[in-house]
N, C-alpha and C. Protein backbone atom coordinates (compact mmCIF):
# COMPACT_ATOMS: atom_id res chain seq x y z
N UNK A 1 27.67 143.08 29.13
CA UNK A 1 28.17 142.57 30.52
C UNK A 1 27.63 141.51 30.01
N UNK A 2 25.87 141.42 31.25
CA UNK A 2 24.97 141.00 31.39
C UNK A 2 24.46 140.06 30.24
N UNK A 3 24.32 141.11 28.64
CA UNK A 3 24.18 140.50 27.28
C UNK A 3 24.91 139.08 27.10
N UNK A 4 25.39 139.67 27.63
CA UNK A 4 27.21 138.30 27.35
C UNK A 4 26.60 136.80 28.00
N UNK A 5 26.11 137.66 29.54
CA UNK A 5 26.51 135.88 29.99
C UNK A 5 25.31 135.51 29.90
N UNK A 6 23.73 135.99 29.82
CA UNK A 6 22.32 136.03 29.43
C UNK A 6 22.78 135.14 28.17
N UNK A 7 23.40 135.90 26.77
CA UNK A 7 23.35 134.86 25.65
C UNK A 7 24.18 133.51 26.36
N UNK A 8 25.60 133.25 26.79
CA UNK A 8 26.29 132.32 27.02
C UNK A 8 25.16 130.92 27.51
N UNK A 9 24.23 131.71 28.54
CA UNK A 9 23.30 130.72 28.75
C UNK A 9 22.27 130.04 28.29
N UNK A 10 21.74 130.67 27.42
CA UNK A 10 20.85 129.96 27.10
C UNK A 10 21.08 128.98 25.83
N UNK A 11 22.78 129.90 24.94
CA UNK A 11 23.63 129.06 23.81
C UNK A 11 23.50 127.57 25.01
N UNK A 12 24.13 127.58 25.36
CA UNK A 12 24.22 126.25 26.75
C UNK A 12 23.21 125.74 27.18
N UNK A 13 22.27 126.14 26.94
CA UNK A 13 21.00 125.45 27.31
C UNK A 13 20.22 125.14 26.35
N UNK A 14 20.67 125.58 24.79
CA UNK A 14 19.96 125.37 23.56
C UNK A 14 20.53 123.30 23.45
N UNK A 15 22.20 123.32 23.36
CA UNK A 15 22.95 122.32 23.75
C UNK A 15 22.55 121.06 23.78
N UNK A 16 21.86 121.55 25.72
CA UNK A 16 21.98 120.85 26.86
C UNK A 16 19.99 120.15 26.71
N UNK A 17 19.12 120.90 25.48
CA UNK A 17 18.15 120.84 25.37
C UNK A 17 18.17 119.24 24.06
N UNK A 18 18.65 119.64 23.61
CA UNK A 18 19.29 119.26 22.83
C UNK A 18 19.35 117.93 22.51
N UNK A 19 20.42 117.96 23.35
CA UNK A 19 21.23 116.73 23.51
C UNK A 19 20.58 115.62 23.93
N UNK A 20 18.68 115.82 24.40
CA UNK A 20 17.51 114.90 24.94
C UNK A 20 17.48 113.97 24.12
N UNK A 21 17.32 114.37 22.42
CA UNK A 21 16.88 113.66 21.96
C UNK A 21 17.48 112.60 21.29
N UNK A 22 19.02 112.71 21.24
CA UNK A 22 19.78 111.73 21.03
C UNK A 22 19.71 109.70 22.07
N UNK A 23 19.40 111.22 23.63
CA UNK A 23 19.54 109.92 24.95
C UNK A 23 18.08 109.61 25.13
N UNK A 24 16.55 109.68 24.59
CA UNK A 24 16.44 109.50 23.78
C UNK A 24 15.56 108.74 23.25
N UNK A 25 16.55 108.35 21.89
CA UNK A 25 17.05 108.23 20.52
C UNK A 25 17.57 105.99 21.33
N UNK A 26 18.57 106.22 22.10
CA UNK A 26 19.83 105.50 22.23
C UNK A 26 18.98 104.55 23.81
N UNK A 27 17.35 105.29 23.81
CA UNK A 27 17.09 104.61 25.48
C UNK A 27 18.41 105.07 26.94
N UNK A 28 18.70 105.99 26.90
CA UNK A 28 20.40 105.92 27.94
C UNK A 28 18.89 105.70 29.04
N UNK A 29 19.73 105.21 30.33
CA UNK A 29 18.49 105.19 31.45
C UNK A 29 19.16 106.00 32.35
N UNK A 30 20.48 107.21 31.51
CA UNK A 30 20.60 108.13 32.88
C UNK A 30 20.15 109.86 32.31
N UNK A 31 18.65 109.38 30.85
CA UNK A 31 17.96 110.12 30.60
C UNK A 31 16.44 110.84 31.56
N UNK A 32 15.81 110.28 32.14
CA UNK A 32 15.44 110.86 32.91
C UNK A 32 16.41 111.82 34.37
N UNK A 33 17.27 111.45 34.70
CA UNK A 33 17.80 111.48 35.61
C UNK A 33 18.09 113.10 35.03
N UNK A 34 18.92 112.63 34.18
CA UNK A 34 19.42 114.30 33.00
C UNK A 34 18.33 115.38 32.77
N UNK A 35 17.02 114.99 32.58
CA UNK A 35 15.59 115.71 32.40
C UNK A 35 15.65 116.96 33.57
N UNK A 36 15.46 115.67 34.86
CA UNK A 36 15.27 116.13 36.41
C UNK A 36 16.16 117.20 35.78
N UNK A 37 17.48 117.10 35.92
CA UNK A 37 19.14 118.13 36.64
C UNK A 37 18.32 119.56 35.84
N UNK A 38 18.26 119.25 34.47
CA UNK A 38 18.01 120.00 33.38
C UNK A 38 16.92 121.04 34.44
N UNK A 39 15.73 120.54 34.21
CA UNK A 39 14.31 121.54 35.09
C UNK A 39 14.83 121.66 36.32
N UNK A 40 15.62 121.44 37.48
CA UNK A 40 15.67 121.77 38.65
C UNK A 40 16.70 122.64 38.21
N UNK A 41 17.54 122.54 37.17
CA UNK A 41 18.81 124.39 37.48
C UNK A 41 17.87 125.30 36.80
N UNK A 42 16.67 125.24 35.75
CA UNK A 42 16.29 125.95 35.43
C UNK A 42 15.20 126.68 36.78
N UNK A 43 14.99 125.73 37.03
CA UNK A 43 13.90 126.04 37.99
C UNK A 43 15.02 126.69 39.47
N UNK A 44 15.99 126.76 39.60
CA UNK A 44 16.03 127.84 40.22
C UNK A 44 17.14 128.34 39.81
N UNK A 45 17.39 129.24 38.37
CA UNK A 45 17.66 129.84 37.40
C UNK A 45 17.35 131.56 38.34
N UNK A 46 16.93 131.79 39.94
CA UNK A 46 16.40 133.45 39.55
C UNK A 46 16.89 134.23 38.90
N UNK A 47 18.23 134.75 39.08
CA UNK A 47 19.19 135.56 38.74
C UNK A 47 18.51 135.68 36.97
N UNK A 48 18.30 134.23 36.49
CA UNK A 48 18.70 134.68 34.85
C UNK A 48 17.28 135.11 35.15
N UNK A 49 16.04 134.50 35.48
CA UNK A 49 14.75 135.06 35.33
C UNK A 49 14.37 136.26 35.70
N UNK A 50 15.06 136.96 36.26
CA UNK A 50 14.79 138.30 36.37
C UNK A 50 15.46 139.53 35.42
N UNK A 51 17.14 138.29 35.08
CA UNK A 51 17.32 138.95 33.85
C UNK A 51 16.19 139.38 32.44
N UNK A 52 15.16 138.36 32.14
CA UNK A 52 14.23 138.79 31.84
C UNK A 52 12.97 138.52 32.08
N UNK A 53 12.46 139.28 33.69
CA UNK A 53 11.37 140.57 33.70
C UNK A 53 10.43 139.09 33.80
N UNK A 54 10.84 137.90 34.24
CA UNK A 54 10.32 136.95 34.34
C UNK A 54 9.78 136.59 32.78
N UNK A 55 10.04 136.34 32.09
CA UNK A 55 8.77 136.56 30.49
C UNK A 55 8.34 134.77 30.61
N UNK A 56 7.45 134.32 30.37
CA UNK A 56 6.41 133.15 30.33
C UNK A 56 7.83 131.74 29.61
N UNK A 57 7.46 132.54 28.99
CA UNK A 57 8.61 131.69 27.51
C UNK A 57 9.76 131.23 28.45
N UNK A 58 9.88 131.04 29.09
CA UNK A 58 11.10 130.45 29.94
C UNK A 58 10.17 129.59 31.05
N UNK A 59 9.21 129.82 31.46
CA UNK A 59 8.49 128.68 32.04
C UNK A 59 7.92 128.03 31.26
N UNK A 60 7.73 127.85 29.53
CA UNK A 60 7.25 127.13 28.29
C UNK A 60 8.54 126.44 28.87
N UNK A 61 10.14 126.64 28.99
CA UNK A 61 10.66 125.50 29.12
C UNK A 61 10.77 124.89 30.02
N UNK A 62 10.40 125.46 31.21
CA UNK A 62 10.55 124.17 32.34
C UNK A 62 9.40 123.08 32.46
N UNK A 63 8.20 124.00 31.62
CA UNK A 63 6.84 122.67 31.43
C UNK A 63 7.26 121.73 30.68
N UNK A 64 7.31 121.85 29.42
CA UNK A 64 8.43 121.03 28.38
C UNK A 64 8.82 120.28 29.48
N UNK A 65 10.02 120.35 29.54
CA UNK A 65 10.08 119.11 30.79
C UNK A 65 10.18 118.81 31.74
N UNK A 66 8.96 119.06 32.47
CA UNK A 66 8.01 118.82 33.88
C UNK A 66 7.61 117.35 32.29
N UNK A 67 6.96 117.95 31.26
CA UNK A 67 6.01 116.69 30.50
C UNK A 67 6.72 115.31 30.71
N UNK A 68 8.48 115.89 30.02
CA UNK A 68 9.56 114.71 30.07
C UNK A 68 9.13 113.60 31.58
N UNK A 69 9.05 114.48 31.84
CA UNK A 69 9.11 113.68 33.15
C UNK A 69 8.13 112.90 33.63
N UNK A 70 7.27 113.55 33.34
CA UNK A 70 5.53 113.39 33.74
C UNK A 70 5.31 112.35 32.59
N UNK A 71 5.43 111.87 30.80
CA UNK A 71 4.95 111.11 30.07
C UNK A 71 6.59 110.51 29.59
N UNK A 72 7.58 109.77 30.12
CA UNK A 72 8.41 109.13 29.80
C UNK A 72 8.29 108.34 28.75
N UNK A 73 7.13 108.19 28.25
CA UNK A 73 6.75 107.21 27.52
C UNK A 73 5.89 108.27 26.52
N UNK A 74 6.19 109.29 25.92
CA UNK A 74 5.55 110.07 24.83
C UNK A 74 6.30 110.18 23.02
N UNK A 75 6.92 109.52 23.08
CA UNK A 75 7.34 108.85 21.74
C UNK A 75 8.41 110.08 21.09
N UNK A 76 8.84 109.48 20.56
CA UNK A 76 9.78 110.24 20.07
C UNK A 76 9.61 111.33 18.97
N UNK A 77 8.35 111.08 18.32
CA UNK A 77 7.98 112.58 17.77
C UNK A 77 7.57 113.99 18.86
N UNK A 78 6.94 113.47 19.78
CA UNK A 78 6.32 114.56 20.95
C UNK A 78 7.62 114.26 21.82
N UNK A 79 9.12 114.14 22.15
CA UNK A 79 9.86 114.39 22.49
C UNK A 79 10.47 115.28 21.01
N UNK A 80 11.35 114.94 20.57
CA UNK A 80 11.73 116.39 19.30
C UNK A 80 10.54 117.07 19.15
N UNK A 81 9.50 117.22 18.92
CA UNK A 81 8.18 118.59 19.39
C UNK A 81 9.03 119.41 20.23
N UNK A 82 8.47 119.16 22.12
CA UNK A 82 9.90 119.68 23.01
C UNK A 82 10.17 120.11 23.24
N UNK A 83 11.67 119.03 22.74
CA UNK A 83 12.77 119.83 22.24
C UNK A 83 12.65 121.16 21.53
N UNK A 84 12.53 120.91 20.34
CA UNK A 84 13.11 121.94 18.88
C UNK A 84 11.65 122.96 20.09
N UNK A 85 10.64 122.57 19.78
CA UNK A 85 9.60 124.08 21.18
C UNK A 85 10.84 124.70 21.69
N UNK A 86 11.38 124.67 22.91
CA UNK A 86 11.74 125.03 24.18
C UNK A 86 13.24 125.25 23.40
N UNK A 87 13.96 125.06 22.24
CA UNK A 87 15.34 124.79 21.63
C UNK A 87 14.39 126.80 20.62
N UNK A 88 13.38 126.97 20.34
CA UNK A 88 12.94 127.87 19.89
C UNK A 88 12.48 128.94 20.76
N UNK A 89 12.38 128.67 21.61
CA UNK A 89 11.40 129.82 22.83
C UNK A 89 13.15 130.09 23.72
N UNK A 90 14.14 129.33 22.63
CA UNK A 90 15.79 129.89 24.01
C UNK A 90 15.63 130.99 23.18
N UNK A 91 15.89 130.71 21.22
CA UNK A 91 16.47 131.87 20.24
C UNK A 91 15.56 132.30 20.39
N UNK A 92 14.18 132.80 20.78
CA UNK A 92 13.01 134.06 20.93
C UNK A 92 13.24 135.22 22.27
N UNK A 93 13.95 134.42 23.46
CA UNK A 93 14.63 134.67 24.78
C UNK A 93 16.24 135.55 24.24
N UNK A 94 17.01 135.13 23.49
CA UNK A 94 17.77 135.63 23.46
C UNK A 94 18.24 136.61 22.68
N UNK A 95 17.01 136.75 21.34
CA UNK A 95 16.02 137.69 20.90
C UNK A 95 15.57 139.03 21.64
N UNK A 96 15.17 138.70 22.46
CA UNK A 96 14.53 139.46 22.63
C UNK A 96 15.39 140.49 24.15
N UNK A 97 16.05 139.27 24.88
CA UNK A 97 17.10 139.99 25.49
C UNK A 97 18.87 140.48 25.45
N UNK A 98 19.34 139.65 24.29
CA UNK A 98 20.58 140.04 24.16
C UNK A 98 21.00 141.04 23.50
N UNK A 99 20.12 141.47 23.03
CA UNK A 99 20.81 142.50 22.07
C UNK A 99 21.89 141.91 20.52
N UNK A 100 21.58 142.91 19.54
CA UNK A 100 21.58 142.30 18.37
C UNK A 100 22.96 142.18 18.34
N UNK A 101 24.14 142.82 19.37
CA UNK A 101 25.66 142.90 18.84
C UNK A 101 25.73 141.95 19.93
N UNK A 102 25.28 140.45 20.67
CA UNK A 102 25.79 139.48 21.17
C UNK A 102 25.25 138.42 19.56
N UNK A 103 24.12 138.85 19.27
CA UNK A 103 23.84 137.56 18.55
C UNK A 103 24.51 138.14 17.28
């Protein structure tokens, strides 16, 4: 059951991360708020982090979001790189903690 909950959360996180790219391309004014909200959600996910033994990969996702907050004009290539790196981290966490039956 716990593996399924974690899988669902990480899968939703992948979708939320991917949404950053079109928002950046469209110069969506709500992007900074969206990124901060997502970052704050991850910071507050103590239960999720505990399920993953406080794996540093999870903190890397938060760090990528913080970079977007700190460097809003970093450019589309940097945004894509950070988003896809974070998505790769989510998939790595799924493989590590969700079990093969969930994937």
